[in-house]
Amino acid sequence: MNYIGQMHFAAVPIDYIGSDSATHAGWTLGSGLEHRYNGNLSVKAEYLYYDLGKHTLVTTQNGIAGFSSQFDTHTRGSLVRVGLNWKFN
């Protein structure tokens, strides 16, 4: 991921640049139901909770030696899926 942006410190805009390339592991937990309406048609619903962990990115500022910023993120959320299935004989 590449991050490019601008922040204001004491009313002076400061450009920051950050770069990150890594593989992160996470986990998910979920459940689902499926109900058949007739011989070929069924409806399904699924719920998933995921947590992809915490990540920290440290950026440096152009033109200011020794000045950096740290951004912490924690990626997690929920998914709900609903679908129709048709069984071909």
PDB file of N, CA and C in Angstrom:
ATOM      1  N   MET A   1       0.831  -1.169   0.000  1.00  0.00           N
ATOM      2  CA  MET A   1       0.000   0.000   0.000  1.00  0.00           C
ATOM      3  C   MET A   1       0.878   1.235   0.000  1.00  0.00           C
ATOM      4  N   ASN A   2       0.490   2.208  -0.720  1.00  0.00           N
ATOM      5  CA  ASN A   2       1.190   3.482  -0.717  1.00  0.00           C
ATOM      6  C   ASN A   2       0.254   4.552  -0.180  1.00  0.00           C
ATOM      7  N   TYR A   3       0.766   5.381   0.702  1.00  0.00           N
ATOM      8  CA  TYR A   3      -0.011   6.452   1.292  1.00  0.00           C
ATOM      9  C   TYR A   3       0.664   7.772   0.958  1.00  0.00           C
ATOM     10  N   ILE A   4      -0.072   8.671   0.376  1.00  0.00           N
ATOM     11  CA  ILE A   4       0.441  10.004   0.081  1.00  0.00           C
ATOM     12  C   ILE A   4      -0.629  10.979   0.533  1.00  0.00           C
ATOM     13  N   GLY A   5      -0.254  11.964   1.268  1.00  0.00           N
ATOM     14  CA  GLY A   5      -1.249  12.902   1.749  1.00  0.00           C
ATOM     15  C   GLY A   5      -0.601  14.159   2.277  1.00  0.00           C
ATOM     16  N   GLN A   6      -1.375  14.926   3.020  1.00  0.00           N
ATOM     17  CA  GLN A   6      -0.882  16.179   3.553  1.00  0.00           C
ATOM     18  C   GLN A   6      -1.517  16.387   4.917  1.00  0.00           C
ATOM     19  N   MET A   7      -0.715  16.841   5.885  1.00  0.00           N
ATOM     20  CA  MET A   7      -1.250  17.197   7.189  1.00  0.00           C
ATOM     21  C   MET A   7      -0.810  18.616   7.514  1.00  0.00           C
ATOM     22  N   HIS A   8      -1.473  19.268   8.435  1.00  0.00           N
ATOM     23  CA  HIS A   8      -1.159  20.646   8.790  1.00  0.00           C
ATOM     24  C   HIS A   8      -0.646  20.682  10.228  1.00  0.00           C
ATOM     25  N   PHE A   9       0.530  21.214  10.385  1.00  0.00           N
ATOM     26  CA  PHE A   9       1.150  21.370  11.694  1.00  0.00           C
ATOM     27  C   PHE A   9       1.509  22.840  11.858  1.00  0.00           C
ATOM     28  N   ALA A  10       0.896  23.484  12.809  1.00  0.00           N
ATOM     29  CA  ALA A  10       1.118  24.918  13.051  1.00  0.00           C
ATOM     30  C   ALA A  10       0.815  25.735  11.788  1.00  0.00           C
ATOM     31  N   ALA A  11      -0.278  25.388  11.119  1.00  0.00           N
ATOM     32  CA  ALA A  11      -0.768  26.086   9.925  1.00  0.00           C
ATOM     33  C   ALA A  11       0.191  25.998   8.741  1.00  0.00           C
ATOM     34  N   VAL A  12       1.122  25.042   8.773  1.00  0.00           N
ATOM     35  CA  VAL A  12       2.045  24.835   7.659  1.00  0.00           C
ATOM     36  C   VAL A  12       1.775  23.442   7.087  1.00  0.00           C
ATOM     37  N   PRO A  13       1.388  23.344   5.816  1.00  0.00           N
ATOM     38  CA  PRO A  13       1.144  22.018   5.249  1.00  0.00           C
ATOM     39  C   PRO A  13       2.444  21.227   5.118  1.00  0.00           C
ATOM     40  N   ILE A  14       2.390  19.964   5.487  1.00  0.00           N
ATOM     41  CA  ILE A  14       3.543  19.078   5.419  1.00  0.00           C
ATOM     42  C   ILE A  14       3.141  17.850   4.609  1.00  0.00           C
ATOM     43  N   ASP A  15       3.883  17.568   3.549  1.00  0.00           N
ATOM     44  CA  ASP A  15       3.616  16.371   2.757  1.00  0.00           C
ATOM     45  C   ASP A  15       4.199  15.162   3.465  1.00  0.00           C
ATOM     46  N   TYR A  16       3.456  14.066   3.468  1.00  0.00           N
ATOM     47  CA  TYR A  16       3.990  12.827   4.025  1.00  0.00           C
ATOM     48  C   TYR A  16       3.857  11.723   2.996  1.00  0.00           C
ATOM     49  N   ILE A  17       4.779  10.802   3.044  1.00  0.00           N
ATOM     50  CA  ILE A  17       4.799   9.671   2.125  1.00  0.00           C
ATOM     51  C   ILE A  17       5.048   8.413   2.935  1.00  0.00           C
ATOM     52  N   GLY A  18       4.256   7.397   2.696  1.00  0.00           N
ATOM     53  CA  GLY A  18       4.454   6.115   3.363  1.00  0.00           C
ATOM     54  C   GLY A  18       4.264   5.000   2.377  1.00  0.00           C
ATOM     55  N   SER A  19       4.944   3.907   2.607  1.00  0.00           N
ATOM     56  CA  SER A  19       4.831   2.750   1.733  1.00  0.00           C
ATOM     57  C   SER A  19       4.876   1.495   2.571  1.00  0.00           C
ATOM     58  N   ASP A  20       4.090   0.503   2.185  1.00  0.00           N
ATOM     59  CA  ASP A  20       4.041  -0.731   2.946  1.00  0.00           C
ATOM     60  C   ASP A  20       3.744  -1.877   2.004  1.00  0.00           C
ATOM     61  N   SER A  21       4.407  -2.976   2.214  1.00  0.00           N
ATOM     62  CA  SER A  21       4.152  -4.194   1.458  1.00  0.00           C
ATOM     63  C   SER A  21       4.354  -5.359   2.400  1.00  0.00           C
ATOM     64  N   ALA A  22       3.262  -6.030   2.757  1.00  0.00           N
ATOM     65  CA  ALA A  22       3.344  -7.130   3.716  1.00  0.00           C
ATOM     66  C   ALA A  22       2.138  -8.044   3.553  1.00  0.00           C
ATOM     67  N   THR A  23       2.278  -9.244   4.035  1.00  0.00           N
ATOM     68  CA  THR A  23       1.176 -10.198   4.076  1.00  0.00           C
ATOM     69  C   THR A  23       0.712 -10.328   5.516  1.00  0.00           C
ATOM     70  N   HIS A  24      -0.580 -10.187   5.726  1.00  0.00           N
ATOM     71  CA  HIS A  24      -1.142 -10.265   7.072  1.00  0.00           C
ATOM     72  C   HIS A  24      -2.169 -11.384   7.116  1.00  0.00           C
ATOM     73  N   ALA A  25      -2.236 -12.051   8.247  1.00  0.00           N
ATOM     74  CA  ALA A  25      -3.205 -13.130   8.433  1.00  0.00           C
ATOM     75  C   ALA A  25      -4.321 -12.654   9.354  1.00  0.00           C
ATOM     76  N   GLY A  26      -5.473 -13.234   9.207  1.00  0.00           N
ATOM     77  CA  GLY A  26      -6.609 -12.900  10.052  1.00  0.00           C
ATOM     78  C   GLY A  26      -7.476 -14.118  10.256  1.00  0.00           C
ATOM     79  N   TRP A  27      -8.667 -13.906  10.765  1.00  0.00           N
ATOM     80  CA  TRP A  27      -9.576 -15.018  11.002  1.00  0.00           C
ATOM     81  C   TRP A  27     -11.009 -14.571  10.712  1.00  0.00           C
ATOM     82  N   THR A  28     -11.858 -15.569  10.529  1.00  0.00           N
ATOM     83  CA  THR A  28     -13.276 -15.302  10.301  1.00  0.00           C
ATOM     84  C   THR A  28     -14.108 -16.378  10.986  1.00  0.00           C
ATOM     85  N   LEU A  29     -15.318 -16.009  11.366  1.00  0.00           N
ATOM     86  CA  LEU A  29     -16.251 -16.925  12.014  1.00  0.00           C
ATOM     87  C   LEU A  29     -17.625 -16.630  11.431  1.00  0.00           C
ATOM     88  N   GLY A  30     -18.355 -17.664  11.098  1.00  0.00           N
ATOM     89  CA  GLY A  30     -19.654 -17.418  10.486  1.00  0.00           C
ATOM     90  C   GLY A  30     -20.582 -18.599  10.555  1.00  0.00           C
ATOM     91  N   SER A  31     -21.776 -18.371  10.042  1.00  0.00           N
ATOM     92  CA  SER A  31     -22.803 -19.405  10.014  1.00  0.00           C
ATOM     93  C   SER A  31     -23.750 -19.107   8.854  1.00  0.00           C
ATOM     94  N   GLY A  32     -24.452 -20.139   8.425  1.00  0.00           N
ATOM     95  CA  GLY A  32     -25.386 -19.946   7.327  1.00  0.00           C
ATOM     96  C   GLY A  32     -26.536 -20.936   7.372  1.00  0.00           C
ATOM     97  N   LEU A  33     -27.589 -20.593   6.647  1.00  0.00           N
ATOM     98  CA  LEU A  33     -28.778 -21.436   6.531  1.00  0.00           C
ATOM     99  C   LEU A  33     -29.183 -21.522   5.071  1.00  0.00           C
ATOM    100  N   GLU A  34     -29.751 -22.657   4.703  1.00  0.00           N
ATOM    101  CA  GLU A  34     -30.306 -22.798   3.352  1.00  0.00           C
ATOM    102  C   GLU A  34     -31.629 -23.539   3.466  1.00  0.00           C
ATOM    103  N   HIS A  35     -32.640 -23.035   2.758  1.00  0.00           N
ATOM    104  CA  HIS A  35     -33.971 -23.643   2.795  1.00  0.00           C
ATOM    105  C   HIS A  35     -34.427 -23.908   1.361  1.00  0.00           C
ATOM    106  N   ARG A  36     -34.857 -25.142   1.105  1.00  0.00           N
ATOM    107  CA  ARG A  36     -35.350 -25.520  -0.221  1.00  0.00           C
ATOM    108  C   ARG A  36     -36.855 -25.251  -0.290  1.00  0.00           C
ATOM    109  N   TYR A  37     -37.272 -24.504  -1.316  1.00  0.00           N
ATOM    110  CA  TYR A  37     -38.680 -24.182  -1.508  1.00  0.00           C
ATOM    111  C   TYR A  37     -39.410 -25.234  -2.326  1.00  0.00           C
ATOM    112  N   ASN A  38     -38.778 -25.739  -3.338  1.00  0.00           N
ATOM    113  CA  ASN A  38     -39.365 -26.819  -4.121  1.00  0.00           C
ATOM    114  C   ASN A  38     -38.221 -27.709  -4.581  1.00  0.00           C
ATOM    115  N   GLY A  39     -38.446 -28.540  -5.561  1.00  0.00           N
ATOM    116  CA  GLY A  39     -37.415 -29.469  -5.994  1.00  0.00           C
ATOM    117  C   GLY A  39     -36.138 -28.824  -6.490  1.00  0.00           C
ATOM    118  N   ASN A  40     -36.220 -27.613  -7.042  1.00  0.00           N
ATOM    119  CA  ASN A  40     -35.041 -27.002  -7.651  1.00  0.00           C
ATOM    120  C   ASN A  40     -34.602 -25.671  -7.042  1.00  0.00           C
ATOM    121  N   LEU A  41     -35.481 -24.967  -6.349  1.00  0.00           N
ATOM    122  CA  LEU A  41     -35.184 -23.622  -5.860  1.00  0.00           C
ATOM    123  C   LEU A  41     -34.916 -23.630  -4.355  1.00  0.00           C
ATOM    124  N   SER A  42     -33.838 -22.957  -3.950  1.00  0.00           N
ATOM    125  CA  SER A  42     -33.558 -22.793  -2.521  1.00  0.00           C
ATOM    126  C   SER A  42     -33.045 -21.373  -2.272  1.00  0.00           C
ATOM    127  N   VAL A  43     -33.201 -20.918  -1.032  1.00  0.00           N
ATOM    128  CA  VAL A  43     -32.746 -19.598  -0.588  1.00  0.00           C
ATOM    129  C   VAL A  43     -31.722 -19.819   0.514  1.00  0.00           C
ATOM    130  N   LYS A  44     -30.650 -18.993   0.492  1.00  0.00           N
ATOM    131  CA  LYS A  44     -29.632 -19.136   1.527  1.00  0.00           C
ATOM    132  C   LYS A  44     -29.290 -17.776   2.119  1.00  0.00           C
ATOM    133  N   ALA A  45     -28.834 -17.792   3.380  1.00  0.00           N
ATOM    134  CA  ALA A  45     -28.352 -16.600   4.076  1.00  0.00           C
ATOM    135  C   ALA A  45     -27.111 -17.001   4.867  1.00  0.00           C
ATOM    136  N   GLU A  46     -26.146 -16.072   4.919  1.00  0.00           N
ATOM    137  CA  GLU A  46     -24.876 -16.361   5.583  1.00  0.00           C
ATOM    138  C   GLU A  46     -24.403 -15.106   6.312  1.00  0.00           C
ATOM    139  N   TYR A  47     -23.855 -15.289   7.504  1.00  0.00           N
ATOM    140  CA  TYR A  47     -23.269 -14.190   8.265  1.00  0.00           C
ATOM    141  C   TYR A  47     -21.809 -14.533   8.551  1.00  0.00           C
ATOM    142  N   LEU A  48     -20.911 -13.559   8.335  1.00  0.00           N
ATOM    143  CA  LEU A  48     -19.486 -13.737   8.615  1.00  0.00           C
ATOM    144  C   LEU A  48     -18.968 -12.541   9.405  1.00  0.00           C
ATOM    145  N   TYR A  49     -18.189 -12.820  10.452  1.00  0.00           N
ATOM    146  CA  TYR A  49     -17.442 -11.787  11.171  1.00  0.00           C
ATOM    147  C   TYR A  49     -15.973 -12.022  10.870  1.00  0.00           C
ATOM    148  N   TYR A  50     -15.240 -10.975  10.485  1.00  0.00           N
ATOM    149  CA  TYR A  50     -13.826 -11.136  10.171  1.00  0.00           C
ATOM    150  C   TYR A  50     -12.983 -10.143  10.969  1.00  0.00           C
ATOM    151  N   ASP A  51     -11.765 -10.560  11.258  1.00  0.00           N
ATOM    152  CA  ASP A  51     -10.785  -9.720  11.943  1.00  0.00           C
ATOM    153  C   ASP A  51      -9.446  -9.951  11.255  1.00  0.00           C
ATOM    154  N   LEU A  52      -8.951  -8.932  10.570  1.00  0.00           N
ATOM    155  CA  LEU A  52      -7.704  -9.044   9.826  1.00  0.00           C
ATOM    156  C   LEU A  52      -6.512  -8.484  10.597  1.00  0.00           C
ATOM    157  N   GLY A  53      -6.709  -8.167  11.866  1.00  0.00           N
ATOM    158  CA  GLY A  53      -5.608  -7.768  12.726  1.00  0.00           C
ATOM    159  C   GLY A  53      -5.275  -6.298  12.694  1.00  0.00           C
ATOM    160  N   LYS A  54      -4.279  -5.963  13.499  1.00  0.00           N
ATOM    161  CA  LYS A  54      -3.806  -4.591  13.638  1.00  0.00           C
ATOM    162  C   LYS A  54      -2.587  -4.378  12.751  1.00  0.00           C
ATOM    163  N   HIS A  55      -2.482  -3.176  12.217  1.00  0.00           N
ATOM    164  CA  HIS A  55      -1.335  -2.832  11.375  1.00  0.00           C
ATOM    165  C   HIS A  55      -0.905  -1.403  11.686  1.00  0.00           C
ATOM    166  N   THR A  56       0.398  -1.197  11.714  1.00  0.00           N
ATOM    167  CA  THR A  56       0.964   0.125  11.985  1.00  0.00           C
ATOM    168  C   THR A  56       1.809   0.561  10.792  1.00  0.00           C
ATOM    169  N   LEU A  57       1.596   1.783  10.350  1.00  0.00           N
ATOM    170  CA  LEU A  57       2.383   2.368   9.268  1.00  0.00           C
ATOM    171  C   LEU A  57       3.052   3.631   9.798  1.00  0.00           C
ATOM    172  N   VAL A  58       4.364   3.714   9.619  1.00  0.00           N
ATOM    173  CA  VAL A  58       5.119   4.890  10.027  1.00  0.00           C
ATOM    174  C   VAL A  58       5.517   5.635   8.753  1.00  0.00           C
ATOM    175  N   THR A  59       5.221   6.920   8.708  1.00  0.00           N
ATOM    176  CA  THR A  59       5.537   7.741   7.534  1.00  0.00           C
ATOM    177  C   THR A  59       6.587   8.772   7.896  1.00  0.00           C
ATOM    178  N   THR A  60       7.273   9.249   6.898  1.00  0.00           N
ATOM    179  CA  THR A  60       8.229  10.337   7.083  1.00  0.00           C
ATOM    180  C   THR A  60       7.735  11.561   6.322  1.00  0.00           C
ATOM    181  N   GLN A  61       8.150  12.735   6.771  1.00  0.00           N
ATOM    182  CA  GLN A  61       7.728  13.965   6.135  1.00  0.00           C
ATOM    183  C   GLN A  61       8.862  14.513   5.281  1.00  0.00           C
ATOM    184  N   ASN A  62       8.508  15.001   4.117  1.00  0.00           N
ATOM    185  CA  ASN A  62       9.508  15.599   3.222  1.00  0.00           C
ATOM    186  C   ASN A  62       9.999  16.918   3.803  1.00  0.00           C
ATOM    187  N   GLY A  63      11.293  17.074   3.839  1.00  0.00           N
ATOM    188  CA  GLY A  63      11.877  18.350   4.231  1.00  0.00           C
ATOM    189  C   GLY A  63      12.039  18.557   5.719  1.00  0.00           C
ATOM    190  N   ILE A  64      11.580  17.661   6.577  1.00  0.00           N
ATOM    191  CA  ILE A  64      11.733  17.834   8.017  1.00  0.00           C
ATOM    192  C   ILE A  64      12.455  16.594   8.555  1.00  0.00           C
ATOM    193  N   ALA A  65      13.697  16.734   8.884  1.00  0.00           N
ATOM    194  CA  ALA A  65      14.494  15.609   9.360  1.00  0.00           C
ATOM    195  C   ALA A  65      14.010  15.156  10.735  1.00  0.00           C
ATOM    196  N   GLY A  66      13.872  13.859  10.898  1.00  0.00           N
ATOM    197  CA  GLY A  66      13.508  13.292  12.198  1.00  0.00           C
ATOM    198  C   GLY A  66      12.048  13.419  12.569  1.00  0.00           C
ATOM    199  N   PHE A  67      11.202  13.909  11.693  1.00  0.00           N
ATOM    200  CA  PHE A  67       9.778  14.058  12.004  1.00  0.00           C
ATOM    201  C   PHE A  67       8.998  12.990  11.270  1.00  0.00           C
ATOM    202  N   SER A  68       8.230  12.192  12.011  1.00  0.00           N
ATOM    203  CA  SER A  68       7.459  11.117  11.388  1.00  0.00           C
ATOM    204  C   SER A  68       6.089  11.011  12.041  1.00  0.00           C
ATOM    205  N   SER A  69       5.203  10.281  11.396  1.00  0.00           N
ATOM    206  CA  SER A  69       3.851  10.040  11.908  1.00  0.00           C
ATOM    207  C   SER A  69       3.589   8.552  11.931  1.00  0.00           C
ATOM    208  N   GLN A  70       2.731   8.145  12.833  1.00  0.00           N
ATOM    209  CA  GLN A  70       2.362   6.734  12.932  1.00  0.00           C
ATOM    210  C   GLN A  70       0.856   6.613  12.787  1.00  0.00           C
ATOM    211  N   PHE A  71       0.418   5.703  11.900  1.00  0.00           N
ATOM    212  CA  PHE A  71      -0.996   5.437  11.676  1.00  0.00           C
ATOM    213  C   PHE A  71      -1.281   3.995  12.085  1.00  0.00           C
ATOM    214  N   ASP A  72      -2.208   3.800  13.008  1.00  0.00           N
ATOM    215  CA  ASP A  72      -2.600   2.465  13.449  1.00  0.00           C
ATOM    216  C   ASP A  72      -3.983   2.137  12.904  1.00  0.00           C
ATOM    217  N   THR A  73      -4.135   0.965  12.333  1.00  0.00           N
ATOM    218  CA  THR A  73      -5.429   0.516  11.833  1.00  0.00           C
ATOM    219  C   THR A  73      -5.737  -0.869  12.377  1.00  0.00           C
ATOM    220  N   HIS A  74      -6.994  -1.158  12.542  1.00  0.00           N
ATOM    221  CA  HIS A  74      -7.458  -2.483  12.929  1.00  0.00           C
ATOM    222  C   HIS A  74      -8.643  -2.806  12.022  1.00  0.00           C
ATOM    223  N   THR A  75      -8.458  -3.756  11.134  1.00  0.00           N
ATOM    224  CA  THR A  75      -9.480  -4.083  10.139  1.00  0.00           C
ATOM    225  C   THR A  75     -10.345  -5.228  10.645  1.00  0.00           C
ATOM    226  N   ARG A  76     -11.624  -4.947  10.831  1.00  0.00           N
ATOM    227  CA  ARG A  76     -12.590  -5.969  11.240  1.00  0.00           C
ATOM    228  C   ARG A  76     -13.977  -5.532  10.789  1.00  0.00           C
ATOM    229  N   GLY A  77     -14.861  -6.494  10.632  1.00  0.00           N
ATOM    230  CA  GLY A  77     -16.197  -6.142  10.179  1.00  0.00           C
ATOM    231  C   GLY A  77     -17.098  -7.348  10.040  1.00  0.00           C
ATOM    232  N   SER A  78     -18.263  -7.118   9.490  1.00  0.00           N
ATOM    233  CA  SER A  78     -19.276  -8.154   9.315  1.00  0.00           C
ATOM    234  C   SER A  78     -19.759  -8.167   7.874  1.00  0.00           C
ATOM    235  N   LEU A  79     -20.103  -9.355   7.405  1.00  0.00           N
ATOM    236  CA  LEU A  79     -20.685  -9.535   6.072  1.00  0.00           C
ATOM    237  C   LEU A  79     -21.959 -10.342   6.201  1.00  0.00           C
ATOM    238  N   VAL A  80     -22.971  -9.947   5.451  1.00  0.00           N
ATOM    239  CA  VAL A  80     -24.203 -10.723   5.344  1.00  0.00           C
ATOM    240  C   VAL A  80     -24.425 -10.999   3.869  1.00  0.00           C
ATOM    241  N   ARG A  81     -24.636 -12.256   3.551  1.00  0.00           N
ATOM    242  CA  ARG A  81     -24.875 -12.654   2.154  1.00  0.00           C
ATOM    243  C   ARG A  81     -26.209 -13.372   2.071  1.00  0.00           C
ATOM    244  N   VAL A  82     -26.950 -13.056   1.028  1.00  0.00           N
ATOM    245  CA  VAL A  82     -28.234 -13.706   0.758  1.00  0.00           C
ATOM    246  C   VAL A  82     -28.215 -14.138  -0.695  1.00  0.00           C
ATOM    247  N   GLY A  83     -28.729 -15.319  -0.972  1.00  0.00           N
ATOM    248  CA  GLY A  83     -28.703 -15.782  -2.347  1.00  0.00           C
ATOM    249  C   GLY A  83     -29.802 -16.760  -2.686  1.00  0.00           C
ATOM    250  N   LEU A  84     -30.033 -16.930  -3.975  1.00  0.00           N
ATOM    251  CA  LEU A  84     -30.957 -17.924  -4.514  1.00  0.00           C
ATOM    252  C   LEU A  84     -30.136 -18.971  -5.255  1.00  0.00           C
ATOM    253  N   ASN A  85     -30.504 -20.212  -5.074  1.00  0.00           N
ATOM    254  CA  ASN A  85     -29.841 -21.311  -5.784  1.00  0.00           C
ATOM    255  C   ASN A  85     -30.869 -22.051  -6.620  1.00  0.00           C
ATOM    256  N   TRP A  86     -30.461 -22.444  -7.815  1.00  0.00           N
ATOM    257  CA  TRP A  86     -31.287 -23.257  -8.685  1.00  0.00           C
ATOM    258  C   TRP A  86     -30.519 -24.525  -9.007  1.00  0.00           C
ATOM    259  N   LYS A  87     -31.123 -25.650  -8.706  1.00  0.00           N
ATOM    260  CA  LYS A  87     -30.491 -26.944  -8.955  1.00  0.00           C
ATOM    261  C   LYS A  87     -30.876 -27.444 -10.342  1.00  0.00           C
ATOM    262  N   PHE A  88     -29.873 -27.668 -11.188  1.00  0.00           N
ATOM    263  CA  PHE A  88     -30.106 -28.216 -12.513  1.00  0.00           C
ATOM    264  C   PHE A  88     -30.044 -29.739 -12.411  1.00  0.00           C
ATOM    265  N   ASN A  89     -31.042 -30.409 -12.993  1.00  0.00           N
ATOM    266  CA  ASN A  89     -31.069 -31.873 -12.940  1.00  0.00           C
ATOM    267  C   ASN A  89     -30.247 -32.475 -14.037  1.00  0.00           C
TER     268      ASN A  89
END
